[in-house]
Amino acid sequence: MGIVIQVEPELGRQAEVVFEQLGTSISDAMNTLLRYVVSRKKLPDDFSRPPIPCIDDMTEEEFDAMIQESFKAVNEGRTYTIDEARRILEADDEAL
């Protein structure tokens, strides 16, 4: 089974460069992370979530880009019901 993940394009390009320098691939790194999570039922201790964007810390351009990405996600059907979102958030909290 394959899993498709979405990442910010520039982040993906930067990660590919770093993993290539480390002699591995994004796919191998994700497999390693997933094996860890499955075997230990938790995230690595030094693993942290990215900060939640705060409008007070954003430039107008960053805010506009975030809103445009949100509209794009809705138009592409990348949405969740409130119950689905709640389950995802609760699962994230349990993993920490």
Protein backbone atom coordinates (compact mmCIF):
# COMPACT_ATOMS: atom_id res chain seq x y z
CA MET A 1 0.00 0.00 0.00
CA GLY A 2 1.27 3.46 -0.79
CA ILE A 3 0.60 6.57 1.20
CA VAL A 4 0.53 9.97 -0.42
CA ILE A 5 1.43 12.94 1.73
CA GLN A 6 1.26 16.60 0.88
CA VAL A 7 4.01 18.96 1.85
CA GLU A 8 4.74 22.55 1.03
CA PRO A 9 6.56 22.50 -2.35
CA GLU A 10 9.59 24.48 -1.17
CA LEU A 11 9.85 22.41 2.01
CA GLY A 12 9.80 19.24 -0.09
CA ARG A 13 12.59 20.52 -2.35
CA GLN A 14 14.70 21.51 0.64
CA ALA A 15 14.11 18.15 2.33
CA GLU A 16 15.12 16.25 -0.83
CA VAL A 17 18.44 18.13 -0.87
CA VAL A 18 19.12 17.43 2.82
CA PHE A 19 18.19 13.74 2.60
CA GLU A 20 20.33 13.35 -0.52
CA GLN A 21 23.28 14.85 1.41
CA LEU A 22 22.54 12.37 4.20
CA GLY A 23 22.58 9.51 1.70
CA THR A 24 18.92 8.61 2.01
CA SER A 25 15.53 9.60 0.63
CA ILE A 26 12.35 11.14 1.95
CA SER A 27 10.67 7.78 1.44
CA ASP A 28 13.30 5.96 3.53
CA ALA A 29 13.09 8.62 6.24
CA MET A 30 9.29 8.35 6.38
CA ASN A 31 9.51 4.55 6.56
CA THR A 32 11.92 4.88 9.48
CA LEU A 33 9.62 7.34 11.26
CA LEU A 34 6.55 5.18 10.66
CA ARG A 35 8.31 2.04 11.93
CA TYR A 36 9.26 3.92 15.09
CA VAL A 37 5.72 5.19 15.65
CA VAL A 38 4.13 1.78 15.00
CA SER A 39 6.55 -0.12 17.23
CA ARG A 40 6.50 2.35 20.13
CA LYS A 41 3.01 3.83 19.70
CA LYS A 42 4.39 7.34 20.10
CA LEU A 43 6.39 10.02 18.31
CA PRO A 44 10.13 10.28 18.95
CA ASP A 45 10.83 12.30 22.11
CA ASP A 46 12.53 15.11 20.19
CA PHE A 47 9.78 15.26 17.57
CA SER A 48 7.76 18.44 17.71
CA ARG A 49 4.80 19.83 15.86
CA PRO A 50 5.32 22.90 13.73
CA PRO A 51 4.05 26.03 15.42
CA ILE A 52 0.46 26.96 14.70
CA PRO A 53 0.43 30.08 12.54
CA CYS A 54 -0.59 33.20 14.44
CA ILE A 55 -1.99 36.11 12.45
CA ASP A 56 -0.12 38.55 14.69
CA ASP A 57 3.20 37.08 13.54
CA MET A 58 2.38 37.01 9.81
CA THR A 59 3.04 39.46 7.07
CA GLU A 60 0.11 40.38 4.87
CA GLU A 61 1.62 38.22 2.10
CA GLU A 62 1.94 35.20 4.39
CA PHE A 63 -1.65 35.60 5.56
CA ASP A 64 -2.91 35.92 1.98
CA ALA A 65 -0.95 32.80 0.97
CA MET A 66 -2.45 30.84 3.88
CA ILE A 67 -5.97 31.92 2.93
CA GLN A 68 -5.36 31.05 -0.74
CA GLU A 69 -4.09 27.60 0.27
CA SER A 70 -7.22 27.12 2.36
CA PHE A 71 -9.46 27.99 -0.58
CA LYS A 72 -7.44 25.64 -2.80
CA ALA A 73 -7.84 22.80 -0.29
CA VAL A 74 -11.61 23.31 -0.17
CA ASN A 75 -11.85 23.42 -3.97
CA GLU A 76 -9.84 20.19 -4.20
CA GLY A 77 -12.06 18.48 -1.65
CA ARG A 78 -9.36 18.30 1.02
CA THR A 79 -11.78 18.91 3.85
CA TYR A 80 -12.94 17.22 7.04
CA THR A 81 -16.19 17.15 8.91
CA ILE A 82 -16.02 18.52 12.44
CA ASP A 83 -16.19 14.95 13.80
CA GLU A 84 -13.30 13.84 11.58
CA ALA A 85 -11.22 16.85 12.62
CA ARG A 86 -11.96 16.18 16.29
CA ARG A 87 -10.85 12.52 15.93
CA ILE A 88 -7.63 13.59 14.20
CA LEU A 89 -6.84 16.15 16.90
CA GLU A 90 -7.61 13.70 19.69
CA ALA A 91 -5.38 11.06 18.07
CA ASP A 92 -2.58 13.64 17.79
CA ASP A 93 -2.93 14.49 21.48
CA GLU A 94 -2.80 10.83 22.46
CA ALA A 95 0.37 10.34 20.37
CA LEU A 96 2.14 13.01 22.39
